[in-house]
Structures are given as structure tokens and as C-alpha cells.
Amino acid sequence: MEANKVKYYTGFTFVEKETGIYIGVCPDLNFTSSYANTFEEVCEALQEACGLFLEGIPEKDYPEVSDLSSLMEISELPELNIPVRIKV
């Protein structure tokens, strides 16, 4: 990967039914996750968590980006989720 080239991973957000808390997870980055009170906040928190996960890893060694259709088949994800792009 070229130096400073932007890469986008797909994350998923969903609302935990009992608490109403928004949860975000990025399967490509070892299921890195975060949570927040609003959709906007969880998107920001998940992007920050993914950046921290990749910190110290050379860009050439970043995990591959999976295509959305294969990610949608992950059984651990709740049925009602919203895909989001994570810029790193």
C-alpha cells in the first residue's frame, strides 16, 4: 500500500435493545468495538478505536478489507445493523 493512502474498512452499528446504547464493531480489525449514546458518537468512537488498533502497525501490514457481502454473512452480528465506512 502506498504511504498515506486512505483505506476504508466496514464497520457495523446497532442498538442494544435493553439499554438503547449504540454499539459499533469492525470485523476486519479483530472485531474492534466501541459504544456510545448516539449514532454519530458511536461512528466517531469506532473510527478512533480502529485507529488505535492499527497504531504501530506498518501500513503494508494492515489487514485486508473484506467486501460487504462477505461481512454481512457473519453470524455474530445482530440482524438489524447499519454498515458504516471507517477511514484509516
PDB file of N, CA and C in Angstrom:
ATOM      1  N   MET A   1       0.842  -1.171   0.000  1.00  0.00           N
ATOM      2  CA  MET A   1       0.000   0.000   0.000  1.00  0.00           C
ATOM      3  C   MET A   1       0.891   1.240   0.000  1.00  0.00           C
ATOM      4  N   GLU A   2       0.513   2.234  -0.796  1.00  0.00           N
ATOM      5  CA  GLU A   2       1.278   3.465  -0.853  1.00  0.00           C
ATOM      6  C   GLU A   2       1.216   4.198   0.476  1.00  0.00           C
ATOM      7  N   ALA A   3       2.291   4.909   0.793  1.00  0.00           N
ATOM      8  CA  ALA A   3       2.315   5.677   2.035  1.00  0.00           C
ATOM      9  C   ALA A   3       1.204   6.717   2.027  1.00  0.00           C
ATOM     10  N   ASN A   4       0.541   6.882   3.160  1.00  0.00           N
ATOM     11  CA  ASN A   4      -0.525   7.868   3.347  1.00  0.00           C
ATOM     12  C   ASN A   4      -1.747   7.653   2.451  1.00  0.00           C
ATOM     13  N   LYS A   5      -1.911   6.476   1.894  1.00  0.00           N
ATOM     14  CA  LYS A   5      -3.090   6.184   1.103  1.00  0.00           C
ATOM     15  C   LYS A   5      -4.240   5.863   2.067  1.00  0.00           C
ATOM     16  N   VAL A   6      -5.392   6.457   1.822  1.00  0.00           N
ATOM     17  CA  VAL A   6      -6.547   6.236   2.687  1.00  0.00           C
ATOM     18  C   VAL A   6      -7.120   4.853   2.418  1.00  0.00           C
ATOM     19  N   LYS A   7      -7.491   4.177   3.485  1.00  0.00           N
ATOM     20  CA  LYS A   7      -8.098   2.856   3.385  1.00  0.00           C
ATOM     21  C   LYS A   7      -9.400   2.899   4.168  1.00  0.00           C
ATOM     22  N   TYR A   8     -10.425   2.245   3.648  1.00  0.00           N
ATOM     23  CA  TYR A   8     -11.724   2.219   4.311  1.00  0.00           C
ATOM     24  C   TYR A   8     -12.082   0.794   4.704  1.00  0.00           C
ATOM     25  N   TYR A   9     -12.386   0.603   5.973  1.00  0.00           N
ATOM     26  CA  TYR A   9     -12.896  -0.670   6.468  1.00  0.00           C
ATOM     27  C   TYR A   9     -14.402  -0.503   6.689  1.00  0.00           C
ATOM     28  N   THR A  10     -15.108  -1.604   6.731  1.00  0.00           N
ATOM     29  CA  THR A  10     -16.535  -1.552   7.018  1.00  0.00           C
ATOM     30  C   THR A  10     -16.762  -1.928   8.467  1.00  0.00           C
ATOM     31  N   GLY A  11     -17.514  -1.101   9.127  1.00  0.00           N
ATOM     32  CA  GLY A  11     -17.936  -1.393  10.487  1.00  0.00           C
ATOM     33  C   GLY A  11     -19.446  -1.529  10.504  1.00  0.00           C
ATOM     34  N   PHE A  12     -19.978  -2.009  11.587  1.00  0.00           N
ATOM     35  CA  PHE A  12     -21.423  -2.153  11.728  1.00  0.00           C
ATOM     36  C   PHE A  12     -21.846  -1.549  13.047  1.00  0.00           C
ATOM     37  N   THR A  13     -22.972  -0.857  13.030  1.00  0.00           N
ATOM     38  CA  THR A  13     -23.519  -0.292  14.249  1.00  0.00           C
ATOM     39  C   THR A  13     -24.900  -0.867  14.488  1.00  0.00           C
ATOM     40  N   PHE A  14     -25.255  -0.978  15.735  1.00  0.00           N
ATOM     41  CA  PHE A  14     -26.584  -1.449  16.095  1.00  0.00           C
ATOM     42  C   PHE A  14     -26.916  -0.934  17.488  1.00  0.00           C
ATOM     43  N   VAL A  15     -28.184  -0.978  17.829  1.00  0.00           N
ATOM     44  CA  VAL A  15     -28.636  -0.512  19.138  1.00  0.00           C
ATOM     45  C   VAL A  15     -28.903  -1.721  20.009  1.00  0.00           C
ATOM     46  N   GLU A  16     -28.312  -1.724  21.194  1.00  0.00           N
ATOM     47  CA  GLU A  16     -28.539  -2.792  22.159  1.00  0.00           C
ATOM     48  C   GLU A  16     -29.949  -2.586  22.718  1.00  0.00           C
ATOM     49  N   LYS A  17     -30.797  -3.584  22.558  1.00  0.00           N
ATOM     50  CA  LYS A  17     -32.228  -3.448  22.864  1.00  0.00           C
ATOM     51  C   LYS A  17     -32.520  -3.049  24.311  1.00  0.00           C
ATOM     52  N   GLU A  18     -31.858  -3.651  25.250  1.00  0.00           N
ATOM     53  CA  GLU A  18     -32.184  -3.400  26.661  1.00  0.00           C
ATOM     54  C   GLU A  18     -31.748  -2.030  27.160  1.00  0.00           C
ATOM     55  N   THR A  19     -30.607  -1.534  26.683  1.00  0.00           N
ATOM     56  CA  THR A  19     -30.065  -0.279  27.211  1.00  0.00           C
ATOM     57  C   THR A  19     -30.228   0.910  26.264  1.00  0.00           C
ATOM     58  N   GLY A  20     -30.439   0.642  24.972  1.00  0.00           N
ATOM     59  CA  GLY A  20     -30.524   1.719  23.991  1.00  0.00           C
ATOM     60  C   GLY A  20     -29.163   2.277  23.595  1.00  0.00           C
ATOM     61  N   ILE A  21     -28.110   1.643  24.046  1.00  0.00           N
ATOM     62  CA  ILE A  21     -26.743   2.079  23.725  1.00  0.00           C
ATOM     63  C   ILE A  21     -26.392   1.641  22.300  1.00  0.00           C
ATOM     64  N   TYR A  22     -25.735   2.520  21.565  1.00  0.00           N
ATOM     65  CA  TYR A  22     -25.257   2.194  20.220  1.00  0.00           C
ATOM     66  C   TYR A  22     -23.917   1.472  20.342  1.00  0.00           C
ATOM     67  N   ILE A  23     -23.780   0.399  19.609  1.00  0.00           N
ATOM     68  CA  ILE A  23     -22.550  -0.383  19.604  1.00  0.00           C
ATOM     69  C   ILE A  23     -22.028  -0.426  18.179  1.00  0.00           C
ATOM     70  N   GLY A  24     -20.717  -0.271  18.030  1.00  0.00           N
ATOM     71  CA  GLY A  24     -20.073  -0.357  16.718  1.00  0.00           C
ATOM     72  C   GLY A  24     -18.987  -1.411  16.761  1.00  0.00           C
ATOM     73  N   VAL A  25     -18.833  -2.139  15.658  1.00  0.00           N
ATOM     74  CA  VAL A  25     -17.826  -3.198  15.588  1.00  0.00           C
ATOM     75  C   VAL A  25     -17.237  -3.240  14.179  1.00  0.00           C
ATOM     76  N   CYS A  26     -15.937  -3.524  14.106  1.00  0.00           N
ATOM     77  CA  CYS A  26     -15.242  -3.652  12.822  1.00  0.00           C
ATOM     78  C   CYS A  26     -14.653  -5.058  12.728  1.00  0.00           C
ATOM     79  N   PRO A  27     -15.318  -5.965  12.009  1.00  0.00           N
ATOM     80  CA  PRO A  27     -14.854  -7.353  11.927  1.00  0.00           C
ATOM     81  C   PRO A  27     -13.444  -7.509  11.352  1.00  0.00           C
ATOM     82  N   ASP A  28     -13.078  -6.706  10.350  1.00  0.00           N
ATOM     83  CA  ASP A  28     -11.759  -6.843   9.728  1.00  0.00           C
ATOM     84  C   ASP A  28     -10.605  -6.536  10.671  1.00  0.00           C
ATOM     85  N   LEU A  29     -10.885  -5.782  11.718  1.00  0.00           N
ATOM     86  CA  LEU A  29      -9.837  -5.402  12.663  1.00  0.00           C
ATOM     87  C   LEU A  29     -10.053  -6.117  13.992  1.00  0.00           C
ATOM     88  N   ASN A  30     -10.106  -7.441  13.909  1.00  0.00           N
ATOM     89  CA  ASN A  30     -10.232  -8.310  15.085  1.00  0.00           C
ATOM     90  C   ASN A  30     -11.466  -7.957  15.933  1.00  0.00           C
ATOM     91  N   PHE A  31     -12.541  -7.580  15.239  1.00  0.00           N
ATOM     92  CA  PHE A  31     -13.798  -7.205  15.890  1.00  0.00           C
ATOM     93  C   PHE A  31     -13.604  -6.064  16.894  1.00  0.00           C
ATOM     94  N   THR A  32     -12.750  -5.101  16.534  1.00  0.00           N
ATOM     95  CA  THR A  32     -12.595  -3.893  17.351  1.00  0.00           C
ATOM     96  C   THR A  32     -13.978  -3.283  17.544  1.00  0.00           C
ATOM     97  N   SER A  33     -14.272  -2.838  18.757  1.00  0.00           N
ATOM     98  CA  SER A  33     -15.614  -2.316  19.014  1.00  0.00           C
ATOM     99  C   SER A  33     -15.577  -1.094  19.915  1.00  0.00           C
ATOM    100  N   SER A  34     -16.715  -0.400  19.955  1.00  0.00           N
ATOM    101  CA  SER A  34     -16.885   0.751  20.829  1.00  0.00           C
ATOM    102  C   SER A  34     -18.378   0.943  21.049  1.00  0.00           C
ATOM    103  N   TYR A  35     -18.734   1.849  21.919  1.00  0.00           N
ATOM    104  CA  TYR A  35     -20.148   2.133  22.169  1.00  0.00           C
ATOM    105  C   TYR A  35     -20.320   3.606  22.513  1.00  0.00           C
ATOM    106  N   ALA A  36     -21.558   4.088  22.377  1.00  0.00           N
ATOM    107  CA  ALA A  36     -21.859   5.491  22.678  1.00  0.00           C
ATOM    108  C   ALA A  36     -23.373   5.660  22.803  1.00  0.00           C
ATOM    109  N   ASN A  37     -23.789   6.876  23.120  1.00  0.00           N
ATOM    110  CA  ASN A  37     -25.212   7.172  23.299  1.00  0.00           C
ATOM    111  C   ASN A  37     -25.951   7.494  22.009  1.00  0.00           C
ATOM    112  N   THR A  38     -25.227   7.904  20.942  1.00  0.00           N
ATOM    113  CA  THR A  38     -25.885   8.258  19.681  1.00  0.00           C
ATOM    114  C   THR A  38     -25.161   7.598  18.513  1.00  0.00           C
ATOM    115  N   PHE A  39     -25.836   7.568  17.379  1.00  0.00           N
ATOM    116  CA  PHE A  39     -25.241   7.000  16.178  1.00  0.00           C
ATOM    117  C   PHE A  39     -23.973   7.760  15.783  1.00  0.00           C
ATOM    118  N   GLU A  40     -24.044   9.078  15.791  1.00  0.00           N
ATOM    119  CA  GLU A  40     -22.884   9.895  15.401  1.00  0.00           C
ATOM    120  C   GLU A  40     -21.703   9.637  16.331  1.00  0.00           C
ATOM    121  N   GLU A  41     -21.986   9.562  17.623  1.00  0.00           N
ATOM    122  CA  GLU A  41     -20.918   9.328  18.599  1.00  0.00           C
ATOM    123  C   GLU A  41     -20.298   7.948  18.438  1.00  0.00           C
ATOM    124  N   VAL A  42     -21.107   6.937  18.161  1.00  0.00           N
ATOM    125  CA  VAL A  42     -20.536   5.594  18.022  1.00  0.00           C
ATOM    126  C   VAL A  42     -19.695   5.497  16.748  1.00  0.00           C
ATOM    127  N   CYS A  43     -20.081   6.202  15.700  1.00  0.00           N
ATOM    128  CA  CYS A  43     -19.263   6.195  14.477  1.00  0.00           C
ATOM    129  C   CYS A  43     -17.896   6.822  14.745  1.00  0.00           C
ATOM    130  N   GLU A  44     -17.889   7.941  15.468  1.00  0.00           N
ATOM    131  CA  GLU A  44     -16.625   8.590  15.825  1.00  0.00           C
ATOM    132  C   GLU A  44     -15.789   7.698  16.743  1.00  0.00           C
ATOM    133  N   ALA A  45     -16.437   7.103  17.728  1.00  0.00           N
ATOM    134  CA  ALA A  45     -15.725   6.251  18.690  1.00  0.00           C
ATOM    135  C   ALA A  45     -15.147   5.015  18.006  1.00  0.00           C
ATOM    136  N   LEU A  46     -15.898   4.440  17.065  1.00  0.00           N
ATOM    137  CA  LEU A  46     -15.402   3.258  16.360  1.00  0.00           C
ATOM    138  C   LEU A  46     -14.222   3.615  15.468  1.00  0.00           C
ATOM    139  N   GLN A  47     -14.274   4.759  14.813  1.00  0.00           N
ATOM    140  CA  GLN A  47     -13.146   5.193  13.992  1.00  0.00           C
ATOM    141  C   GLN A  47     -11.901   5.379  14.862  1.00  0.00           C
ATOM    142  N   GLU A  48     -12.066   5.986  16.022  1.00  0.00           N
ATOM    143  CA  GLU A  48     -10.939   6.181  16.940  1.00  0.00           C
ATOM    144  C   GLU A  48     -10.388   4.834  17.421  1.00  0.00           C
ATOM    145  N   ALA A  49     -11.272   3.911  17.776  1.00  0.00           N
ATOM    146  CA  ALA A  49     -10.839   2.587  18.242  1.00  0.00           C
ATOM    147  C   ALA A  49     -10.074   1.842  17.155  1.00  0.00           C
ATOM    148  N   CYS A  50     -10.539   1.950  15.921  1.00  0.00           N
ATOM    149  CA  CYS A  50      -9.849   1.281  14.816  1.00  0.00           C
ATOM    150  C   CYS A  50      -8.475   1.901  14.573  1.00  0.00           C
ATOM    151  N   GLY A  51      -8.395   3.226  14.696  1.00  0.00           N
ATOM    152  CA  GLY A  51      -7.100   3.894  14.570  1.00  0.00           C
ATOM    153  C   GLY A  51      -6.126   3.431  15.640  1.00  0.00           C
ATOM    154  N   LEU A  52      -6.628   3.268  16.862  1.00  0.00           N
ATOM    155  CA  LEU A  52      -5.779   2.780  17.954  1.00  0.00           C
ATOM    156  C   LEU A  52      -5.354   1.332  17.724  1.00  0.00           C
ATOM    157  N   PHE A  53      -6.261   0.528  17.175  1.00  0.00           N
ATOM    158  CA  PHE A  53      -5.928  -0.870  16.876  1.00  0.00           C
ATOM    159  C   PHE A  53      -4.768  -0.938  15.875  1.00  0.00           C
ATOM    160  N   LEU A  54      -4.783  -0.043  14.882  1.00  0.00           N
ATOM    161  CA  LEU A  54      -3.764  -0.066  13.824  1.00  0.00           C
ATOM    162  C   LEU A  54      -2.482   0.673  14.204  1.00  0.00           C
ATOM    163  N   GLU A  55      -2.523   1.414  15.303  1.00  0.00           N
ATOM    164  CA  GLU A  55      -1.361   2.203  15.728  1.00  0.00           C
ATOM    165  C   GLU A  55      -0.150   1.295  15.910  1.00  0.00           C
ATOM    166  N   GLY A  56       0.944   1.684  15.314  1.00  0.00           N
ATOM    167  CA  GLY A  56       2.176   0.916  15.444  1.00  0.00           C
ATOM    168  C   GLY A  56       2.321  -0.204  14.416  1.00  0.00           C
ATOM    169  N   ILE A  57       1.281  -0.466  13.639  1.00  0.00           N
ATOM    170  CA  ILE A  57       1.364  -1.488  12.588  1.00  0.00           C
ATOM    171  C   ILE A  57       1.741  -0.787  11.292  1.00  0.00           C
ATOM    172  N   PRO A  58       2.793  -1.232  10.606  1.00  0.00           N
ATOM    173  CA  PRO A  58       3.127  -0.613   9.319  1.00  0.00           C
ATOM    174  C   PRO A  58       1.956  -0.739   8.343  1.00  0.00           C
ATOM    175  N   GLU A  59       1.706   0.308   7.563  1.00  0.00           N
ATOM    176  CA  GLU A  59       0.574   0.299   6.631  1.00  0.00           C
ATOM    177  C   GLU A  59       0.577  -0.916   5.716  1.00  0.00           C
ATOM    178  N   LYS A  60       1.755  -1.370   5.330  1.00  0.00           N
ATOM    179  CA  LYS A  60       1.834  -2.526   4.431  1.00  0.00           C
ATOM    180  C   LYS A  60       1.309  -3.800   5.092  1.00  0.00           C
ATOM    181  N   ASP A  61       1.229  -3.799   6.421  1.00  0.00           N
ATOM    182  CA  ASP A  61       0.759  -4.968   7.164  1.00  0.00           C
ATOM    183  C   ASP A  61      -0.680  -4.839   7.658  1.00  0.00           C
ATOM    184  N   TYR A  62      -1.371  -3.765   7.256  1.00  0.00           N
ATOM    185  CA  TYR A  62      -2.775  -3.610   7.648  1.00  0.00           C
ATOM    186  C   TYR A  62      -3.578  -4.801   7.128  1.00  0.00           C
ATOM    187  N   PRO A  63      -4.571  -5.242   7.866  1.00  0.00           N
ATOM    188  CA  PRO A  63      -5.427  -6.329   7.392  1.00  0.00           C
ATOM    189  C   PRO A  63      -6.132  -5.942   6.086  1.00  0.00           C
ATOM    190  N   GLU A  64      -6.428  -6.947   5.283  1.00  0.00           N
ATOM    191  CA  GLU A  64      -7.151  -6.708   4.038  1.00  0.00           C
ATOM    192  C   GLU A  64      -8.572  -6.251   4.352  1.00  0.00           C
ATOM    193  N   VAL A  65      -9.129  -5.482   3.444  1.00  0.00           N
ATOM    194  CA  VAL A  65     -10.504  -5.023   3.573  1.00  0.00           C
ATOM    195  C   VAL A  65     -11.412  -6.074   2.937  1.00  0.00           C
ATOM    196  N   SER A  66     -12.377  -6.562   3.709  1.00  0.00           N
ATOM    197  CA  SER A  66     -13.332  -7.544   3.185  1.00  0.00           C
ATOM    198  C   SER A  66     -14.440  -6.840   2.413  1.00  0.00           C
ATOM    199  N   ASP A  67     -15.037  -7.562   1.467  1.00  0.00           N
ATOM    200  CA  ASP A  67     -16.164  -6.964   0.754  1.00  0.00           C
ATOM    201  C   ASP A  67     -17.419  -7.051   1.635  1.00  0.00           C
ATOM    202  N   LEU A  68     -18.327  -6.125   1.411  1.00  0.00           N
ATOM    203  CA  LEU A  68     -19.505  -6.002   2.254  1.00  0.00           C
ATOM    204  C   LEU A  68     -20.353  -7.274   2.269  1.00  0.00           C
ATOM    205  N   SER A  69     -20.511  -7.924   1.134  1.00  0.00           N
ATOM    206  CA  SER A  69     -21.369  -9.107   1.097  1.00  0.00           C
ATOM    207  C   SER A  69     -20.838 -10.228   1.989  1.00  0.00           C
ATOM    208  N   SER A  70     -19.534 -10.400   2.046  1.00  0.00           N
ATOM    209  CA  SER A  70     -18.992 -11.445   2.917  1.00  0.00           C
ATOM    210  C   SER A  70     -19.115 -11.051   4.392  1.00  0.00           C
ATOM    211  N   LEU A  71     -18.995  -9.767   4.691  1.00  0.00           N
ATOM    212  CA  LEU A  71     -19.146  -9.315   6.072  1.00  0.00           C
ATOM    213  C   LEU A  71     -20.584  -9.469   6.555  1.00  0.00           C
ATOM    214  N   MET A  72     -21.544  -9.288   5.666  1.00  0.00           N
ATOM    215  CA  MET A  72     -22.953  -9.390   6.046  1.00  0.00           C
ATOM    216  C   MET A  72     -23.336 -10.815   6.441  1.00  0.00           C
ATOM    217  N   GLU A  73     -22.500 -11.783   6.101  1.00  0.00           N
ATOM    218  CA  GLU A  73     -22.778 -13.174   6.422  1.00  0.00           C
ATOM    219  C   GLU A  73     -22.245 -13.596   7.793  1.00  0.00           C
ATOM    220  N   ILE A  74     -21.585 -12.697   8.502  1.00  0.00           N
ATOM    221  CA  ILE A  74     -21.024 -13.026   9.813  1.00  0.00           C
ATOM    222  C   ILE A  74     -22.169 -13.255  10.792  1.00  0.00           C
ATOM    223  N   SER A  75     -22.234 -14.434  11.327  1.00  0.00           N
ATOM    224  CA  SER A  75     -23.368 -14.806  12.181  1.00  0.00           C
ATOM    225  C   SER A  75     -23.353 -14.103  13.545  1.00  0.00           C
ATOM    226  N   GLU A  76     -22.210 -13.620  13.996  1.00  0.00           N
ATOM    227  CA  GLU A  76     -22.130 -12.968  15.303  1.00  0.00           C
ATOM    228  C   GLU A  76     -22.760 -11.581  15.309  1.00  0.00           C
ATOM    229  N   LEU A  77     -22.996 -11.001  14.130  1.00  0.00           N
ATOM    230  CA  LEU A  77     -23.573  -9.658  14.070  1.00  0.00           C
ATOM    231  C   LEU A  77     -25.085  -9.724  14.229  1.00  0.00           C
ATOM    232  N   PRO A  78     -25.660  -8.779  14.963  1.00  0.00           N
ATOM    233  CA  PRO A  78     -27.117  -8.739  15.079  1.00  0.00           C
ATOM    234  C   PRO A  78     -27.760  -8.557  13.708  1.00  0.00           C
ATOM    235  N   GLU A  79     -28.974  -9.040  13.578  1.00  0.00           N
ATOM    236  CA  GLU A  79     -29.660  -8.974  12.296  1.00  0.00           C
ATOM    237  C   GLU A  79     -29.892  -7.537  11.838  1.00  0.00           C
ATOM    238  N   LEU A  80     -30.284  -6.678  12.739  1.00  0.00           N
ATOM    239  CA  LEU A  80     -30.544  -5.284  12.395  1.00  0.00           C
ATOM    240  C   LEU A  80     -29.305  -4.453  12.697  1.00  0.00           C
ATOM    241  N   ASN A  81     -28.505  -4.199  11.677  1.00  0.00           N
ATOM    242  CA  ASN A  81     -27.301  -3.400  11.858  1.00  0.00           C
ATOM    243  C   ASN A  81     -27.164  -2.438  10.695  1.00  0.00           C
ATOM    244  N   ILE A  82     -26.371  -1.405  10.889  1.00  0.00           N
ATOM    245  CA  ILE A  82     -26.147  -0.394   9.859  1.00  0.00           C
ATOM    246  C   ILE A  82     -24.670  -0.400   9.492  1.00  0.00           C
ATOM    247  N   PRO A  83     -24.331  -0.731   8.234  1.00  0.00           N
ATOM    248  CA  PRO A  83     -22.917  -0.669   7.815  1.00  0.00           C
ATOM    249  C   PRO A  83     -22.430   0.776   7.782  1.00  0.00           C
ATOM    250  N   VAL A  84     -21.206   1.010   8.201  1.00  0.00           N
ATOM    251  CA  VAL A  84     -20.580   2.336   8.151  1.00  0.00           C
ATOM    252  C   VAL A  84     -19.157   2.184   7.621  1.00  0.00           C
ATOM    253  N   ARG A  85     -18.667   3.231   6.961  1.00  0.00           N
ATOM    254  CA  ARG A  85     -17.286   3.224   6.458  1.00  0.00           C
ATOM    255  C   ARG A  85     -16.378   3.805   7.518  1.00  0.00           C
ATOM    256  N   ILE A  86     -15.219   3.166   7.702  1.00  0.00           N
ATOM    257  CA  ILE A  86     -14.246   3.615   8.689  1.00  0.00           C
ATOM    258  C   ILE A  86     -12.982   3.995   7.934  1.00  0.00           C
ATOM    259  N   LYS A  87     -12.647   5.265   7.976  1.00  0.00           N
ATOM    260  CA  LYS A  87     -11.482   5.791   7.269  1.00  0.00           C
ATOM    261  C   LYS A  87     -10.254   5.691   8.150  1.00  0.00           C
ATOM    262  N   VAL A  88      -9.204   5.039   7.643  1.00  0.00           N
ATOM    263  CA  VAL A  88      -7.942   4.964   8.394  1.00  0.00           C
ATOM    264  C   VAL A  88      -6.790   5.433   7.529  1.00  0.00           C
TER     265      VAL A  88
END
